[in-house]
N, C-alpha and C. Protein backbone atom coordinates (compact mmCIF):
# COMPACT_ATOMS: atom_id res chain seq x y z
N MET A 1 50.10 22.22 31.40
CA MET A 1 48.93 21.68 30.73
C MET A 1 47.69 22.37 31.28
N PRO A 2 46.75 22.80 30.40
CA PRO A 2 45.56 23.50 30.87
C PRO A 2 44.65 22.55 31.64
N GLU A 3 43.93 23.14 32.59
CA GLU A 3 43.01 22.32 33.39
C GLU A 3 41.77 21.97 32.58
N SER A 4 41.25 20.81 32.87
CA SER A 4 40.02 20.36 32.21
C SER A 4 38.85 21.17 32.75
N PRO A 5 37.93 21.63 31.88
CA PRO A 5 36.80 22.42 32.36
C PRO A 5 35.84 21.60 33.22
N ILE A 6 35.86 20.29 33.11
CA ILE A 6 34.98 19.42 33.90
C ILE A 6 35.79 18.85 35.04
N PRO A 7 35.39 19.09 36.28
CA PRO A 7 36.13 18.52 37.41
C PRO A 7 36.09 17.01 37.36
N GLN A 8 37.16 16.40 37.81
CA GLN A 8 37.27 14.95 37.72
C GLN A 8 36.81 14.23 38.99
N ASN A 9 36.17 14.95 39.94
CA ASN A 9 35.74 14.22 41.13
C ASN A 9 34.51 13.38 40.80
N SER A 10 34.29 12.32 41.54
CA SER A 10 33.27 11.34 41.21
C SER A 10 31.85 11.85 41.45
N SER A 11 31.67 12.92 42.23
CA SER A 11 30.31 13.39 42.49
C SER A 11 29.73 14.11 41.28
N MET A 12 30.54 14.55 40.35
CA MET A 12 30.06 15.26 39.17
C MET A 12 29.78 14.33 38.00
N VAL A 13 30.21 13.09 38.07
CA VAL A 13 30.01 12.15 36.98
C VAL A 13 28.63 11.51 37.14
N PRO A 14 27.80 11.58 36.10
CA PRO A 14 26.46 10.99 36.23
C PRO A 14 26.56 9.47 36.34
N PRO A 15 25.58 8.85 36.99
CA PRO A 15 25.60 7.39 37.10
C PRO A 15 25.35 6.77 35.73
N PRO A 16 25.82 5.56 35.51
CA PRO A 16 25.59 4.92 34.21
C PRO A 16 24.11 4.63 34.01
N LEU A 17 23.70 4.68 32.75
CA LEU A 17 22.31 4.39 32.42
C LEU A 17 22.04 2.90 32.59
N PRO A 18 20.86 2.55 33.09
CA PRO A 18 20.56 1.13 33.22
C PRO A 18 20.35 0.50 31.85
N THR A 19 20.75 -0.72 31.69
CA THR A 19 20.52 -1.43 30.43
C THR A 19 19.21 -2.18 30.56
N VAL A 20 18.25 -1.79 29.74
CA VAL A 20 16.93 -2.40 29.77
C VAL A 20 16.76 -3.18 28.48
N PRO A 21 16.52 -4.49 28.56
CA PRO A 21 16.31 -5.23 27.32
C PRO A 21 15.03 -4.78 26.65
N LEU A 22 15.12 -4.54 25.36
CA LEU A 22 13.94 -4.11 24.61
C LEU A 22 13.12 -5.31 24.18
N ASN A 23 11.84 -5.21 24.33
CA ASN A 23 10.92 -6.22 23.86
C ASN A 23 10.79 -6.06 22.35
N TYR A 24 10.68 -7.14 21.59
CA TYR A 24 10.57 -7.02 20.14
C TYR A 24 9.32 -6.26 19.75
N ARG A 25 8.36 -6.18 20.65
CA ARG A 25 7.13 -5.49 20.33
C ARG A 25 7.22 -4.00 20.63
N SER A 26 8.34 -3.54 21.09
CA SER A 26 8.47 -2.12 21.41
C SER A 26 8.86 -1.36 20.15
N GLY A 27 7.89 -1.10 19.31
CA GLY A 27 8.17 -0.51 18.02
C GLY A 27 8.46 0.97 18.09
N SER A 28 7.56 1.76 18.61
CA SER A 28 7.78 3.20 18.60
C SER A 28 7.84 3.71 20.02
N GLY A 29 9.01 4.12 20.43
CA GLY A 29 9.17 4.72 21.73
C GLY A 29 8.91 3.78 22.89
N GLY A 30 9.13 2.51 22.75
CA GLY A 30 8.96 1.57 23.84
C GLY A 30 7.53 1.16 24.11
N ILE A 31 6.62 1.33 23.15
CA ILE A 31 5.24 0.91 23.35
C ILE A 31 5.20 -0.61 23.38
N ASP A 32 4.67 -1.16 24.45
CA ASP A 32 4.57 -2.61 24.57
C ASP A 32 3.41 -3.10 23.69
N GLU A 33 3.48 -4.35 23.29
CA GLU A 33 2.45 -5.00 22.48
C GLU A 33 2.23 -4.28 21.16
N ALA A 34 3.32 -4.08 20.40
CA ALA A 34 3.23 -3.37 19.13
C ALA A 34 3.00 -4.31 17.96
N ALA A 35 2.94 -5.64 18.16
CA ALA A 35 2.64 -6.59 17.08
C ALA A 35 1.87 -7.78 17.64
N TRP A 36 0.83 -8.18 16.94
CA TRP A 36 0.01 -9.32 17.35
C TRP A 36 -0.69 -9.86 16.12
N HIS A 37 -1.40 -10.96 16.25
CA HIS A 37 -2.12 -11.51 15.10
C HIS A 37 -3.55 -11.84 15.50
N THR A 38 -4.42 -11.71 14.52
CA THR A 38 -5.82 -12.07 14.67
C THR A 38 -6.33 -12.47 13.30
N ALA A 39 -7.04 -13.57 13.24
CA ALA A 39 -7.70 -14.03 12.00
C ALA A 39 -6.72 -14.13 10.83
N GLY A 40 -5.51 -14.62 11.09
CA GLY A 40 -4.55 -14.84 10.03
C GLY A 40 -3.87 -13.60 9.50
N ARG A 41 -4.05 -12.48 10.17
CA ARG A 41 -3.41 -11.24 9.76
C ARG A 41 -2.48 -10.74 10.85
N LEU A 42 -1.43 -10.06 10.42
CA LEU A 42 -0.50 -9.42 11.34
C LEU A 42 -1.00 -8.00 11.59
N PHE A 43 -1.12 -7.65 12.85
CA PHE A 43 -1.45 -6.29 13.25
C PHE A 43 -0.21 -5.71 13.91
N ALA A 44 0.14 -4.49 13.57
CA ALA A 44 1.34 -3.89 14.15
C ALA A 44 1.13 -2.39 14.29
N MET A 45 1.79 -1.84 15.30
CA MET A 45 1.79 -0.39 15.48
C MET A 45 2.75 0.20 14.44
N ASP A 46 2.52 1.45 14.11
CA ASP A 46 3.42 2.14 13.19
C ASP A 46 4.82 2.15 13.79
N LYS A 47 5.81 1.90 12.97
CA LYS A 47 7.23 1.84 13.34
C LYS A 47 7.58 0.63 14.22
N ALA A 48 6.74 -0.41 14.18
CA ALA A 48 7.03 -1.62 14.95
C ALA A 48 8.22 -2.35 14.36
N ILE A 49 8.99 -2.99 15.24
CA ILE A 49 10.11 -3.83 14.83
C ILE A 49 9.72 -5.26 15.18
N LEU A 50 9.52 -6.09 14.17
CA LEU A 50 9.10 -7.47 14.41
C LEU A 50 10.28 -8.30 14.91
N PRO A 51 10.00 -9.50 15.43
CA PRO A 51 11.10 -10.35 15.92
C PRO A 51 12.10 -10.66 14.81
N ASN A 52 13.33 -10.95 15.19
CA ASN A 52 14.40 -11.24 14.25
C ASN A 52 14.26 -12.66 13.72
N ARG A 53 13.15 -12.91 13.06
CA ARG A 53 12.85 -14.21 12.45
C ARG A 53 12.19 -13.96 11.09
N CYS A 54 12.24 -14.96 10.23
CA CYS A 54 11.64 -14.85 8.90
C CYS A 54 10.12 -14.77 9.03
N ILE A 55 9.51 -13.82 8.35
CA ILE A 55 8.06 -13.67 8.45
C ILE A 55 7.31 -14.73 7.65
N LYS A 56 8.01 -15.48 6.82
CA LYS A 56 7.37 -16.53 6.03
C LYS A 56 7.44 -17.90 6.72
N CYS A 57 8.63 -18.27 7.23
CA CYS A 57 8.82 -19.62 7.78
C CYS A 57 9.18 -19.63 9.26
N ASN A 58 9.36 -18.45 9.86
CA ASN A 58 9.76 -18.31 11.27
C ASN A 58 11.18 -18.80 11.53
N GLY A 59 11.98 -18.98 10.48
CA GLY A 59 13.36 -19.42 10.63
C GLY A 59 14.24 -18.31 11.19
N THR A 60 15.32 -18.71 11.83
CA THR A 60 16.23 -17.73 12.44
C THR A 60 17.59 -17.68 11.76
N GLU A 61 17.84 -18.56 10.79
CA GLU A 61 19.15 -18.61 10.14
C GLU A 61 19.25 -17.59 9.01
N ASP A 62 20.30 -16.79 9.02
CA ASP A 62 20.60 -15.79 7.98
C ASP A 62 19.41 -14.86 7.73
N VAL A 63 18.84 -14.33 8.78
CA VAL A 63 17.70 -13.41 8.66
C VAL A 63 18.23 -12.00 8.52
N ARG A 64 17.71 -11.28 7.55
CA ARG A 64 18.06 -9.88 7.36
C ARG A 64 16.80 -9.05 7.60
N MET A 65 16.97 -8.03 8.40
CA MET A 65 15.85 -7.16 8.72
C MET A 65 15.72 -6.07 7.65
N LYS A 66 14.48 -5.74 7.32
CA LYS A 66 14.22 -4.72 6.31
C LYS A 66 13.12 -3.79 6.82
N ARG A 67 13.37 -2.50 6.74
CA ARG A 67 12.37 -1.51 7.12
C ARG A 67 11.61 -1.11 5.85
N LYS A 68 10.30 -1.18 5.91
CA LYS A 68 9.49 -0.85 4.73
C LYS A 68 8.33 0.05 5.13
N GLN A 69 8.08 1.03 4.29
CA GLN A 69 6.93 1.90 4.49
C GLN A 69 5.80 1.41 3.60
N PHE A 70 4.66 1.13 4.20
CA PHE A 70 3.49 0.66 3.49
C PHE A 70 2.51 1.82 3.30
N THR A 71 1.87 1.84 2.15
CA THR A 71 0.88 2.87 1.84
C THR A 71 -0.44 2.17 1.52
N TRP A 72 -1.53 2.72 2.05
CA TRP A 72 -2.85 2.15 1.83
C TRP A 72 -3.85 3.27 1.64
N ALA A 73 -4.78 3.08 0.74
CA ALA A 73 -5.88 4.03 0.55
C ALA A 73 -7.18 3.24 0.63
N PRO A 74 -8.22 3.83 1.21
CA PRO A 74 -9.49 3.11 1.30
C PRO A 74 -10.04 2.83 -0.10
N PRO A 75 -10.69 1.69 -0.27
CA PRO A 75 -11.19 1.32 -1.60
C PRO A 75 -12.17 2.33 -2.20
N ILE A 76 -12.80 3.13 -1.38
CA ILE A 76 -13.77 4.10 -1.87
C ILE A 76 -13.13 5.11 -2.83
N VAL A 77 -11.82 5.31 -2.73
CA VAL A 77 -11.17 6.31 -3.59
C VAL A 77 -11.24 5.91 -5.05
N TYR A 78 -11.38 4.65 -5.33
CA TYR A 78 -11.42 4.21 -6.73
C TYR A 78 -12.74 4.57 -7.40
N LEU A 79 -13.72 5.00 -6.61
CA LEU A 79 -14.93 5.56 -7.22
C LEU A 79 -14.61 6.86 -7.94
N GLY A 80 -13.49 7.47 -7.58
CA GLY A 80 -13.05 8.68 -8.27
C GLY A 80 -12.76 8.44 -9.74
N LEU A 81 -12.53 7.17 -10.11
CA LEU A 81 -12.31 6.86 -11.53
C LEU A 81 -13.54 7.19 -12.37
N LEU A 82 -14.71 7.22 -11.73
CA LEU A 82 -15.92 7.59 -12.47
C LEU A 82 -15.82 9.03 -12.98
N GLY A 83 -15.09 9.87 -12.27
CA GLY A 83 -14.89 11.26 -12.69
C GLY A 83 -13.65 11.43 -13.54
N GLY A 84 -12.87 10.38 -13.71
CA GLY A 84 -11.65 10.45 -14.50
C GLY A 84 -10.45 10.05 -13.67
N LEU A 85 -9.30 10.00 -14.31
CA LEU A 85 -8.08 9.57 -13.64
C LEU A 85 -7.58 10.61 -12.64
N LEU A 86 -7.67 11.88 -12.99
CA LEU A 86 -7.16 12.93 -12.10
C LEU A 86 -7.90 12.99 -10.76
N PRO A 87 -9.25 12.93 -10.71
CA PRO A 87 -9.91 12.90 -9.40
C PRO A 87 -9.53 11.69 -8.56
N CYS A 88 -9.31 10.55 -9.19
CA CYS A 88 -8.91 9.35 -8.46
C CYS A 88 -7.52 9.55 -7.85
N ILE A 89 -6.59 10.11 -8.62
CA ILE A 89 -5.24 10.35 -8.12
C ILE A 89 -5.27 11.33 -6.95
N ILE A 90 -6.09 12.38 -7.07
CA ILE A 90 -6.19 13.37 -5.99
C ILE A 90 -6.77 12.72 -4.73
N LEU A 91 -7.82 11.90 -4.88
CA LEU A 91 -8.40 11.22 -3.73
C LEU A 91 -7.40 10.28 -3.06
N VAL A 92 -6.63 9.54 -3.86
CA VAL A 92 -5.63 8.63 -3.30
C VAL A 92 -4.59 9.42 -2.53
N MET A 93 -4.12 10.53 -3.09
CA MET A 93 -3.09 11.31 -2.42
C MET A 93 -3.60 11.94 -1.12
N VAL A 94 -4.87 12.33 -1.10
CA VAL A 94 -5.42 12.97 0.10
C VAL A 94 -5.75 11.95 1.18
N LEU A 95 -6.32 10.80 0.80
CA LEU A 95 -6.84 9.83 1.78
C LEU A 95 -5.88 8.70 2.12
N GLN A 96 -4.72 8.63 1.47
CA GLN A 96 -3.80 7.54 1.76
C GLN A 96 -3.23 7.64 3.17
N LYS A 97 -2.92 6.48 3.74
CA LYS A 97 -2.30 6.42 5.06
C LYS A 97 -1.03 5.60 4.93
N LYS A 98 -0.03 5.93 5.77
CA LYS A 98 1.26 5.26 5.69
C LYS A 98 1.65 4.73 7.06
N ALA A 99 2.37 3.62 7.05
CA ALA A 99 2.92 3.04 8.28
C ALA A 99 4.21 2.32 7.91
N THR A 100 5.15 2.29 8.86
CA THR A 100 6.44 1.66 8.64
C THR A 100 6.59 0.48 9.59
N VAL A 101 7.05 -0.65 9.04
CA VAL A 101 7.28 -1.87 9.83
C VAL A 101 8.63 -2.44 9.43
N THR A 102 9.39 -2.89 10.42
CA THR A 102 10.66 -3.56 10.16
C THR A 102 10.45 -5.06 10.35
N TYR A 103 10.75 -5.84 9.31
CA TYR A 103 10.53 -7.29 9.35
C TYR A 103 11.77 -8.02 8.85
N GLY A 104 11.83 -9.32 9.12
CA GLY A 104 12.97 -10.13 8.71
C GLY A 104 12.59 -11.18 7.69
N MET A 105 13.57 -11.54 6.84
CA MET A 105 13.40 -12.61 5.86
C MET A 105 14.67 -13.44 5.81
N CYS A 106 14.49 -14.76 5.71
CA CYS A 106 15.62 -15.67 5.61
C CYS A 106 16.14 -15.71 4.17
N ALA A 107 17.27 -16.39 3.97
CA ALA A 107 17.90 -16.44 2.65
C ALA A 107 17.01 -17.15 1.62
N VAL A 108 16.32 -18.19 2.05
CA VAL A 108 15.46 -18.94 1.12
C VAL A 108 14.35 -18.05 0.57
N HIS A 109 13.69 -17.31 1.43
CA HIS A 109 12.59 -16.47 0.98
C HIS A 109 13.07 -15.20 0.27
N ARG A 110 14.25 -14.72 0.61
CA ARG A 110 14.83 -13.62 -0.16
C ARG A 110 15.12 -14.08 -1.58
N ARG A 111 15.62 -15.30 -1.72
CA ARG A 111 15.91 -15.85 -3.05
C ARG A 111 14.62 -16.01 -3.86
N LYS A 112 13.55 -16.48 -3.22
CA LYS A 112 12.26 -16.60 -3.93
C LYS A 112 11.78 -15.23 -4.40
N ARG A 113 11.99 -14.22 -3.58
CA ARG A 113 11.59 -12.86 -3.95
C ARG A 113 12.40 -12.38 -5.15
N TRP A 114 13.70 -12.66 -5.17
CA TRP A 114 14.53 -12.29 -6.33
C TRP A 114 14.13 -13.06 -7.57
N ASN A 115 13.71 -14.31 -7.42
CA ASN A 115 13.25 -15.09 -8.58
C ASN A 115 12.05 -14.42 -9.24
N VAL A 116 11.13 -13.93 -8.44
CA VAL A 116 9.96 -13.22 -8.99
C VAL A 116 10.43 -12.00 -9.77
N THR A 117 11.38 -11.27 -9.22
CA THR A 117 11.89 -10.08 -9.90
C THR A 117 12.55 -10.44 -11.23
N TRP A 118 13.40 -11.47 -11.22
CA TRP A 118 14.10 -11.86 -12.45
C TRP A 118 13.16 -12.42 -13.50
N ILE A 119 12.15 -13.18 -13.09
CA ILE A 119 11.17 -13.70 -14.06
C ILE A 119 10.41 -12.54 -14.70
N SER A 120 10.01 -11.56 -13.90
CA SER A 120 9.28 -10.40 -14.44
C SER A 120 10.15 -9.60 -15.40
N LEU A 121 11.40 -9.34 -15.01
CA LEU A 121 12.29 -8.59 -15.88
C LEU A 121 12.63 -9.36 -17.16
N GLY A 122 12.81 -10.67 -17.03
CA GLY A 122 13.07 -11.49 -18.22
C GLY A 122 11.91 -11.48 -19.19
N THR A 123 10.69 -11.55 -18.66
CA THR A 123 9.51 -11.51 -19.52
C THR A 123 9.38 -10.15 -20.20
N LEU A 124 9.68 -9.07 -19.46
CA LEU A 124 9.64 -7.74 -20.07
C LEU A 124 10.69 -7.62 -21.18
N ALA A 125 11.90 -8.13 -20.94
CA ALA A 125 12.96 -8.07 -21.96
C ALA A 125 12.58 -8.87 -23.20
N PHE A 126 11.99 -10.05 -23.00
CA PHE A 126 11.57 -10.86 -24.14
C PHE A 126 10.45 -10.16 -24.91
N SER A 127 9.58 -9.45 -24.20
CA SER A 127 8.49 -8.72 -24.87
C SER A 127 9.06 -7.60 -25.74
N ILE A 128 10.07 -6.90 -25.23
CA ILE A 128 10.71 -5.85 -26.03
C ILE A 128 11.39 -6.46 -27.25
N PHE A 129 12.02 -7.63 -27.06
CA PHE A 129 12.62 -8.35 -28.19
C PHE A 129 11.56 -8.68 -29.24
N LEU A 130 10.36 -9.05 -28.80
CA LEU A 130 9.29 -9.35 -29.76
C LEU A 130 8.87 -8.11 -30.55
N PHE A 131 8.88 -6.92 -29.89
CA PHE A 131 8.59 -5.70 -30.62
C PHE A 131 9.64 -5.44 -31.71
N VAL A 132 10.91 -5.66 -31.36
CA VAL A 132 11.99 -5.47 -32.35
C VAL A 132 11.83 -6.47 -33.49
N MET A 133 11.52 -7.71 -33.16
CA MET A 133 11.34 -8.74 -34.20
C MET A 133 10.16 -8.41 -35.10
N ALA A 134 9.11 -7.81 -34.53
CA ALA A 134 7.97 -7.41 -35.35
C ALA A 134 8.39 -6.36 -36.37
N GLY A 135 9.28 -5.44 -35.97
CA GLY A 135 9.76 -4.43 -36.90
C GLY A 135 10.66 -5.03 -37.97
N VAL A 136 11.51 -5.97 -37.57
CA VAL A 136 12.43 -6.59 -38.52
C VAL A 136 11.67 -7.45 -39.52
N LEU A 137 10.71 -8.23 -39.03
CA LEU A 137 9.95 -9.14 -39.89
C LEU A 137 8.80 -8.43 -40.61
N GLU A 138 8.54 -7.19 -40.21
CA GLU A 138 7.41 -6.45 -40.76
C GLU A 138 6.12 -7.26 -40.63
N ASN A 139 5.94 -7.78 -39.44
CA ASN A 139 4.77 -8.61 -39.14
C ASN A 139 4.23 -8.15 -37.79
N GLY A 140 2.93 -8.03 -37.67
CA GLY A 140 2.32 -7.52 -36.45
C GLY A 140 2.05 -8.56 -35.38
N ILE A 141 2.19 -9.84 -35.69
CA ILE A 141 1.85 -10.88 -34.72
C ILE A 141 2.77 -10.86 -33.50
N PRO A 142 4.08 -10.67 -33.64
CA PRO A 142 4.92 -10.61 -32.42
C PRO A 142 4.55 -9.44 -31.50
N VAL A 143 3.96 -8.37 -32.06
CA VAL A 143 3.54 -7.24 -31.22
C VAL A 143 2.44 -7.69 -30.26
N ILE A 144 1.52 -8.50 -30.73
CA ILE A 144 0.43 -9.00 -29.87
C ILE A 144 1.01 -9.79 -28.71
N PHE A 145 1.96 -10.69 -29.01
CA PHE A 145 2.58 -11.48 -27.94
C PHE A 145 3.44 -10.60 -27.02
N GLY A 146 4.04 -9.55 -27.59
CA GLY A 146 4.81 -8.62 -26.77
C GLY A 146 3.93 -7.87 -25.78
N ILE A 147 2.78 -7.42 -26.25
CA ILE A 147 1.84 -6.72 -25.36
C ILE A 147 1.34 -7.67 -24.28
N LEU A 148 1.00 -8.90 -24.66
CA LEU A 148 0.55 -9.89 -23.67
C LEU A 148 1.67 -10.20 -22.66
N GLY A 149 2.91 -10.27 -23.14
CA GLY A 149 4.04 -10.53 -22.25
C GLY A 149 4.25 -9.41 -21.24
N ILE A 150 4.13 -8.15 -21.72
CA ILE A 150 4.28 -7.01 -20.80
C ILE A 150 3.17 -7.02 -19.75
N LEU A 151 1.94 -7.23 -20.18
CA LEU A 151 0.83 -7.28 -19.23
C LEU A 151 1.00 -8.43 -18.24
N GLY A 152 1.42 -9.59 -18.75
CA GLY A 152 1.64 -10.74 -17.86
C GLY A 152 2.74 -10.49 -16.85
N ALA A 153 3.84 -9.87 -17.29
CA ALA A 153 4.95 -9.58 -16.37
C ALA A 153 4.53 -8.59 -15.30
N LEU A 154 3.78 -7.56 -15.68
CA LEU A 154 3.34 -6.56 -14.70
C LEU A 154 2.36 -7.16 -13.69
N ILE A 155 1.44 -7.98 -14.17
CA ILE A 155 0.47 -8.61 -13.26
C ILE A 155 1.19 -9.58 -12.33
N TYR A 156 2.12 -10.38 -12.87
CA TYR A 156 2.86 -11.33 -12.04
C TYR A 156 3.69 -10.61 -10.97
N ALA A 157 4.34 -9.52 -11.36
CA ALA A 157 5.15 -8.76 -10.40
C ALA A 157 4.26 -8.12 -9.33
N ALA A 158 3.08 -7.65 -9.71
CA ALA A 158 2.19 -7.01 -8.74
C ALA A 158 1.58 -8.01 -7.77
N VAL A 159 1.28 -9.22 -8.24
CA VAL A 159 0.64 -10.21 -7.38
C VAL A 159 1.67 -10.99 -6.56
N ALA A 160 2.73 -11.47 -7.19
CA ALA A 160 3.70 -12.32 -6.49
C ALA A 160 4.86 -11.54 -5.89
N GLY A 161 5.05 -10.30 -6.28
CA GLY A 161 6.21 -9.54 -5.84
C GLY A 161 6.20 -9.08 -4.40
N PRO A 162 5.14 -8.43 -3.93
CA PRO A 162 5.18 -7.91 -2.56
C PRO A 162 5.25 -9.02 -1.51
N VAL A 163 6.13 -8.83 -0.54
CA VAL A 163 6.28 -9.80 0.53
C VAL A 163 5.11 -9.70 1.49
N LEU A 164 4.82 -8.49 1.92
CA LEU A 164 3.67 -8.20 2.78
C LEU A 164 2.78 -7.21 2.06
N LYS A 165 1.47 -7.39 2.22
CA LYS A 165 0.52 -6.49 1.58
C LYS A 165 -0.36 -5.85 2.65
N PRO A 166 -0.47 -4.52 2.62
CA PRO A 166 -1.32 -3.87 3.62
C PRO A 166 -2.79 -4.15 3.33
N HIS A 167 -3.51 -4.54 4.35
CA HIS A 167 -4.95 -4.76 4.22
C HIS A 167 -5.71 -3.52 4.64
N LYS A 168 -5.19 -2.83 5.67
CA LYS A 168 -5.82 -1.61 6.16
C LYS A 168 -4.85 -0.90 7.09
N ILE A 169 -4.91 0.42 7.11
CA ILE A 169 -4.15 1.21 8.06
C ILE A 169 -5.13 2.15 8.76
N ASP A 170 -5.23 2.01 10.07
CA ASP A 170 -6.08 2.87 10.90
C ASP A 170 -5.21 3.62 11.88
N GLN A 171 -5.30 4.91 11.90
CA GLN A 171 -4.54 5.76 12.82
C GLN A 171 -3.09 5.29 12.89
N SER A 172 -2.72 4.51 13.90
CA SER A 172 -1.33 4.07 13.99
C SER A 172 -1.21 2.55 13.96
N ILE A 173 -2.24 1.84 13.51
CA ILE A 173 -2.22 0.37 13.44
C ILE A 173 -2.34 -0.06 11.99
N ILE A 174 -1.47 -0.97 11.58
CA ILE A 174 -1.50 -1.50 10.22
C ILE A 174 -1.85 -2.98 10.27
N GLN A 175 -2.70 -3.41 9.32
CA GLN A 175 -3.02 -4.83 9.15
C GLN A 175 -2.30 -5.30 7.90
N LEU A 176 -1.52 -6.38 8.03
CA LEU A 176 -0.74 -6.89 6.91
C LEU A 176 -1.11 -8.33 6.60
N LYS A 177 -1.15 -8.66 5.32
CA LYS A 177 -1.34 -10.03 4.87
C LYS A 177 -0.02 -10.51 4.27
N GLY A 178 0.24 -11.82 4.36
CA GLY A 178 1.42 -12.38 3.73
C GLY A 178 2.38 -13.07 4.67
N CYS A 179 2.14 -12.99 5.97
CA CYS A 179 3.02 -13.68 6.93
C CYS A 179 2.67 -15.17 6.96
N GLY A 180 3.68 -15.99 7.22
CA GLY A 180 3.45 -17.42 7.35
C GLY A 180 2.72 -17.75 8.64
N PRO A 181 1.95 -18.84 8.64
CA PRO A 181 1.17 -19.19 9.85
C PRO A 181 2.05 -19.50 11.06
N VAL A 182 3.24 -20.07 10.84
CA VAL A 182 4.12 -20.39 11.97
C VAL A 182 4.61 -19.11 12.63
N PHE A 183 4.95 -18.11 11.81
CA PHE A 183 5.38 -16.83 12.36
C PHE A 183 4.25 -16.16 13.13
N LEU A 184 3.05 -16.19 12.55
CA LEU A 184 1.91 -15.57 13.23
C LEU A 184 1.63 -16.23 14.57
N GLN A 185 1.77 -17.56 14.63
CA GLN A 185 1.50 -18.27 15.88
C GLN A 185 2.52 -17.91 16.97
N SER A 186 3.68 -17.41 16.56
CA SER A 186 4.69 -17.03 17.55
C SER A 186 4.39 -15.69 18.20
N LEU A 187 3.45 -14.95 17.65
CA LEU A 187 3.06 -13.65 18.19
C LEU A 187 1.83 -13.82 19.10
N PRO A 188 1.56 -12.85 19.97
CA PRO A 188 0.34 -12.92 20.76
C PRO A 188 -0.89 -12.96 19.86
N ASN A 189 -1.97 -13.59 20.34
CA ASN A 189 -3.16 -13.75 19.53
C ASN A 189 -3.96 -12.47 19.42
N THR A 190 -3.93 -11.64 20.42
CA THR A 190 -4.60 -10.33 20.34
C THR A 190 -3.67 -9.32 20.97
N GLN A 191 -4.03 -8.06 20.81
CA GLN A 191 -3.20 -6.99 21.35
C GLN A 191 -3.14 -7.08 22.89
N TRP A 192 -4.18 -7.58 23.50
CA TRP A 192 -4.27 -7.53 24.96
C TRP A 192 -3.92 -8.85 25.63
N GLU A 193 -3.37 -9.81 24.89
CA GLU A 193 -3.04 -11.11 25.47
C GLU A 193 -1.85 -11.03 26.38
C-alpha cells in the first residue's frame, strides 16, 4: 500500500478551531451590533441576519428565515420625471442603493402575505374576465370596471404586499419600516446600547 503524503504524527495535525457562538447581530463578517431600533424603525447593517423570530409578532414557532435584497433611491430622483420617463429611470439606476437583510416570519404572517398575493391575482383575473365579457357583450362598461380592478389590484399589492419597506439606505446601513413593535423592543434601542 502506498504511503500517505501527509505524515500521521500528531505534531503535523492542526489544532481544532474554537467554536465561537455567533451573535444574531453579526451580519457581515462578525460585525457586532448589526441591528437595532430607533423611533419605531429597524436599522441594520448590510447583510445583517436578524434573530430567528418573526419580525411581525416576535413569535418563535415555525419561523422561516428569508434573505431579501432591498433597493432604495432618494426621492429627489423623481424630479427627473419633469424631463421625461427616461431621465427618471437613468437617475434611479445611477443613484439607487442596495442592502441585503435576512429576516424571519412565522406561519401566521406568511399566510397573511400569501392572502395578499391571492387577492391581488384574483382581482387581476376577474378584471381580465371583464375585458372578455365586454367583447362578448359588445358593451364598454365592463372595460371601465376591468381597468379599475387592475389599478386596484396593483395598488393593493404595492401597499399591502411588501413585508418590510426600505425607508433609507446610507452607505452600509438600511432603515426598514414594517417590523412589529414587540420585535423592535427585543432589539437594542440604539446602535451603541
